Structures are given as structure tokens and as C-alpha cells.
Amino acid sequence: MKFNELLEVTKDIDLEAIGVSLGKAANKSEMISCFVDGDEWVMQEVDDRQRVFEKRGKEEDIVRKVYGNIKLRIRQPK
């Protein structure tokens, strides 16, 4: 899955309400985000203590991980 496809399949989801930011870095606790940094794709997670964890890799891999997290957050809202 590419980033544009992720945007399409999530267009009817209130991403902010479930703590997801697409296209820019997360800026709140318990958020995840997906964005491009130079020529690398980044999945960033911010925990409840404001610690930031990053995974970097290919677009398809990062987008797939973010989409999996979105599906989990929809099933188990906070």
C-alpha cells in the first residue's frame, strides 16, 4: 500500500479523534504519525510520557504498519 492509497481508505475516518496524523509528525501524547523525511518514510509514535519512537523504512512497509495501527485503534477506541 502506498501513502496515497492510505489517504483514500482512511478519508472517512476521524483520524485526529483516534490519535493519528498522516503527512506530518505527531505532536501529542499517544499519537502515531506517518510522514516522509527526505527520502525515508517514518512512522512515529509518541507515548503517554511524551517519548518519541521512530521506525524508518520503505513507503510500503511504513504505510502498512500505520494502517494496521489505525485498524487497531478503530476496534479499541480510547
N, C-alpha and C. Protein backbone atom coordinates (compact mmCIF):
# COMPACT_ATOMS: atom_id res chain seq x y z
N MET A 1 0.85 -1.18 0.00
CA MET A 1 0.00 0.00 0.00
C MET A 1 0.89 1.24 0.00
N LYS A 2 0.54 2.19 -0.80
CA LYS A 2 1.25 3.46 -0.87
C LYS A 2 0.52 4.50 -0.02
N PHE A 3 1.20 5.62 0.26
CA PHE A 3 0.63 6.66 1.11
C PHE A 3 -0.67 7.21 0.54
N ASN A 4 -0.71 7.43 -0.78
CA ASN A 4 -1.94 7.95 -1.39
C ASN A 4 -3.11 6.99 -1.21
N GLU A 5 -2.84 5.69 -1.26
CA GLU A 5 -3.88 4.70 -1.03
C GLU A 5 -4.35 4.73 0.42
N LEU A 6 -3.42 4.93 1.34
CA LEU A 6 -3.78 5.05 2.76
C LEU A 6 -4.70 6.25 2.98
N LEU A 7 -4.37 7.37 2.35
CA LEU A 7 -5.24 8.55 2.45
C LEU A 7 -6.64 8.25 1.94
N GLU A 8 -6.72 7.51 0.86
CA GLU A 8 -8.02 7.17 0.26
C GLU A 8 -8.85 6.27 1.17
N VAL A 9 -8.23 5.21 1.72
CA VAL A 9 -9.00 4.26 2.54
C VAL A 9 -9.36 4.83 3.91
N THR A 10 -8.69 5.91 4.32
CA THR A 10 -8.98 6.49 5.64
C THR A 10 -9.72 7.83 5.54
N LYS A 11 -10.16 8.20 4.36
CA LYS A 11 -10.76 9.53 4.18
C LYS A 11 -12.03 9.74 5.00
N ASP A 12 -12.74 8.67 5.33
CA ASP A 12 -13.98 8.81 6.10
C ASP A 12 -13.79 8.54 7.59
N ILE A 13 -12.53 8.44 8.03
CA ILE A 13 -12.22 8.18 9.44
C ILE A 13 -11.73 9.48 10.08
N ASP A 14 -12.22 9.76 11.27
CA ASP A 14 -11.73 10.93 12.01
C ASP A 14 -10.40 10.54 12.65
N LEU A 15 -9.33 10.71 11.89
CA LEU A 15 -8.01 10.27 12.34
C LEU A 15 -7.55 11.00 13.60
N GLU A 16 -7.83 12.27 13.68
CA GLU A 16 -7.43 13.04 14.86
C GLU A 16 -8.06 12.47 16.13
N ALA A 17 -9.29 12.04 16.03
CA ALA A 17 -10.01 11.50 17.18
C ALA A 17 -9.39 10.20 17.69
N ILE A 18 -8.74 9.45 16.79
CA ILE A 18 -8.11 8.20 17.23
C ILE A 18 -6.59 8.35 17.39
N GLY A 19 -6.10 9.58 17.30
CA GLY A 19 -4.69 9.84 17.56
C GLY A 19 -3.75 9.49 16.43
N VAL A 20 -4.16 9.82 15.20
CA VAL A 20 -3.34 9.52 14.03
C VAL A 20 -3.12 10.79 13.22
N SER A 21 -1.89 10.98 12.79
CA SER A 21 -1.54 12.12 11.94
C SER A 21 -0.86 11.59 10.69
N LEU A 22 -1.39 11.91 9.53
CA LEU A 22 -0.80 11.47 8.27
C LEU A 22 -0.20 12.66 7.55
N GLY A 23 1.06 12.54 7.19
CA GLY A 23 1.73 13.59 6.44
C GLY A 23 2.58 14.52 7.26
N LYS A 24 2.45 14.48 8.57
CA LYS A 24 3.28 15.32 9.44
C LYS A 24 3.53 14.60 10.75
N ALA A 25 4.56 15.03 11.46
CA ALA A 25 4.96 14.37 12.69
C ALA A 25 3.90 14.51 13.78
N ALA A 26 3.80 13.49 14.62
CA ALA A 26 2.88 13.52 15.76
C ALA A 26 3.32 14.62 16.72
N ASN A 27 2.35 15.27 17.35
CA ASN A 27 2.71 16.36 18.26
C ASN A 27 1.99 16.26 19.60
N LYS A 28 1.33 15.13 19.87
CA LYS A 28 0.63 14.95 21.14
C LYS A 28 0.95 13.57 21.68
N SER A 29 0.76 13.39 22.98
CA SER A 29 0.99 12.06 23.55
C SER A 29 -0.03 11.07 23.01
N GLU A 30 0.39 9.82 22.94
CA GLU A 30 -0.41 8.69 22.47
C GLU A 30 -0.89 8.86 21.03
N MET A 31 -0.05 9.47 20.21
CA MET A 31 -0.35 9.63 18.78
C MET A 31 0.62 8.82 17.96
N ILE A 32 0.20 8.44 16.77
CA ILE A 32 1.10 7.88 15.78
C ILE A 32 1.01 8.74 14.53
N SER A 33 2.09 8.75 13.77
CA SER A 33 2.08 9.52 12.54
C SER A 33 2.90 8.81 11.48
N CYS A 34 2.68 9.23 10.26
CA CYS A 34 3.37 8.69 9.10
C CYS A 34 3.71 9.88 8.21
N PHE A 35 4.99 10.00 7.86
CA PHE A 35 5.41 11.10 7.00
C PHE A 35 6.73 10.74 6.33
N VAL A 36 7.10 11.55 5.36
CA VAL A 36 8.35 11.33 4.66
C VAL A 36 9.38 12.33 5.17
N ASP A 37 10.60 11.86 5.38
CA ASP A 37 11.71 12.69 5.86
C ASP A 37 12.85 12.51 4.87
N GLY A 38 13.00 13.46 3.96
CA GLY A 38 14.00 13.32 2.90
C GLY A 38 13.57 12.20 1.96
N ASP A 39 14.36 11.14 1.89
CA ASP A 39 13.99 10.01 1.04
C ASP A 39 13.58 8.79 1.86
N GLU A 40 13.33 9.01 3.17
CA GLU A 40 12.92 7.93 4.06
C GLU A 40 11.52 8.16 4.58
N TRP A 41 10.76 7.07 4.73
CA TRP A 41 9.44 7.14 5.34
C TRP A 41 9.57 6.85 6.82
N VAL A 42 8.77 7.55 7.62
CA VAL A 42 8.87 7.46 9.07
C VAL A 42 7.51 7.16 9.67
N MET A 43 7.48 6.21 10.61
CA MET A 43 6.32 6.00 11.47
C MET A 43 6.78 6.44 12.85
N GLN A 44 6.09 7.40 13.40
CA GLN A 44 6.48 7.97 14.70
C GLN A 44 5.37 7.71 15.70
N GLU A 45 5.76 7.24 16.88
CA GLU A 45 4.80 7.02 17.96
C GLU A 45 5.23 7.84 19.16
N VAL A 46 4.27 8.54 19.77
CA VAL A 46 4.52 9.31 20.98
C VAL A 46 3.74 8.64 22.10
N ASP A 47 4.44 8.23 23.15
CA ASP A 47 3.74 7.53 24.23
C ASP A 47 3.19 8.52 25.25
N ASP A 48 2.60 7.98 26.32
CA ASP A 48 1.94 8.83 27.32
C ASP A 48 2.93 9.68 28.12
N ARG A 49 4.21 9.41 28.01
CA ARG A 49 5.24 10.21 28.69
C ARG A 49 5.99 11.12 27.73
N GLN A 50 5.42 11.31 26.56
CA GLN A 50 5.99 12.17 25.52
C GLN A 50 7.29 11.64 24.92
N ARG A 51 7.57 10.34 25.12
CA ARG A 51 8.75 9.74 24.48
C ARG A 51 8.38 9.44 23.04
N VAL A 52 9.31 9.69 22.14
CA VAL A 52 9.08 9.51 20.72
C VAL A 52 9.86 8.29 20.22
N PHE A 53 9.15 7.41 19.53
CA PHE A 53 9.76 6.22 18.94
C PHE A 53 9.55 6.29 17.43
N GLU A 54 10.60 6.00 16.68
CA GLU A 54 10.51 6.06 15.23
C GLU A 54 10.90 4.74 14.59
N LYS A 55 10.19 4.44 13.52
CA LYS A 55 10.57 3.34 12.63
C LYS A 55 10.72 3.97 11.27
N ARG A 56 11.81 3.66 10.60
CA ARG A 56 12.07 4.21 9.27
C ARG A 56 12.20 3.07 8.28
N GLY A 57 11.78 3.33 7.05
CA GLY A 57 11.90 2.30 6.04
C GLY A 57 11.26 2.70 4.73
N LYS A 58 10.94 1.68 3.95
CA LYS A 58 10.30 1.90 2.65
C LYS A 58 8.85 2.32 2.85
N GLU A 59 8.36 3.09 1.89
CA GLU A 59 6.99 3.60 1.96
C GLU A 59 5.98 2.50 2.24
N GLU A 60 6.04 1.41 1.47
CA GLU A 60 5.05 0.34 1.61
C GLU A 60 5.06 -0.27 3.02
N ASP A 61 6.26 -0.46 3.57
CA ASP A 61 6.38 -1.07 4.90
C ASP A 61 5.82 -0.16 5.99
N ILE A 62 6.19 1.11 5.93
CA ILE A 62 5.75 2.06 6.95
C ILE A 62 4.23 2.27 6.86
N VAL A 63 3.72 2.45 5.66
CA VAL A 63 2.28 2.67 5.47
C VAL A 63 1.49 1.46 5.96
N ARG A 64 1.99 0.26 5.68
CA ARG A 64 1.30 -0.96 6.14
C ARG A 64 1.24 -0.99 7.67
N LYS A 65 2.32 -0.63 8.33
CA LYS A 65 2.34 -0.62 9.81
C LYS A 65 1.37 0.42 10.36
N VAL A 66 1.35 1.58 9.75
CA VAL A 66 0.45 2.64 10.21
C VAL A 66 -1.01 2.23 10.00
N TYR A 67 -1.31 1.62 8.86
CA TYR A 67 -2.67 1.17 8.59
C TYR A 67 -3.10 0.11 9.60
N GLY A 68 -2.20 -0.78 9.95
CA GLY A 68 -2.50 -1.77 10.98
C GLY A 68 -2.83 -1.12 12.31
N ASN A 69 -2.07 -0.08 12.67
CA ASN A 69 -2.35 0.65 13.91
C ASN A 69 -3.69 1.36 13.84
N ILE A 70 -4.02 1.92 12.70
CA ILE A 70 -5.31 2.59 12.55
C ILE A 70 -6.45 1.60 12.76
N LYS A 71 -6.34 0.42 12.16
CA LYS A 71 -7.39 -0.60 12.33
C LYS A 71 -7.53 -1.02 13.79
N LEU A 72 -6.41 -1.14 14.49
CA LEU A 72 -6.47 -1.48 15.91
C LEU A 72 -7.14 -0.38 16.72
N ARG A 73 -6.81 0.86 16.43
CA ARG A 73 -7.39 1.98 17.18
C ARG A 73 -8.89 2.13 16.92
N ILE A 74 -9.34 1.76 15.73
CA ILE A 74 -10.76 1.83 15.42
C ILE A 74 -11.51 0.78 16.23
N ARG A 75 -10.92 -0.41 16.36
CA ARG A 75 -11.56 -1.50 17.10
C ARG A 75 -11.54 -1.26 18.59
N GLN A 76 -10.53 -0.56 19.08
CA GLN A 76 -10.38 -0.34 20.52
C GLN A 76 -10.20 1.15 20.81
N PRO A 77 -11.25 1.93 20.67
CA PRO A 77 -11.10 3.38 20.91
C PRO A 77 -10.71 3.67 22.34
N LYS A 78 -10.03 4.79 22.51
CA LYS A 78 -9.56 5.18 23.86
C LYS A 78 -10.63 5.92 24.60
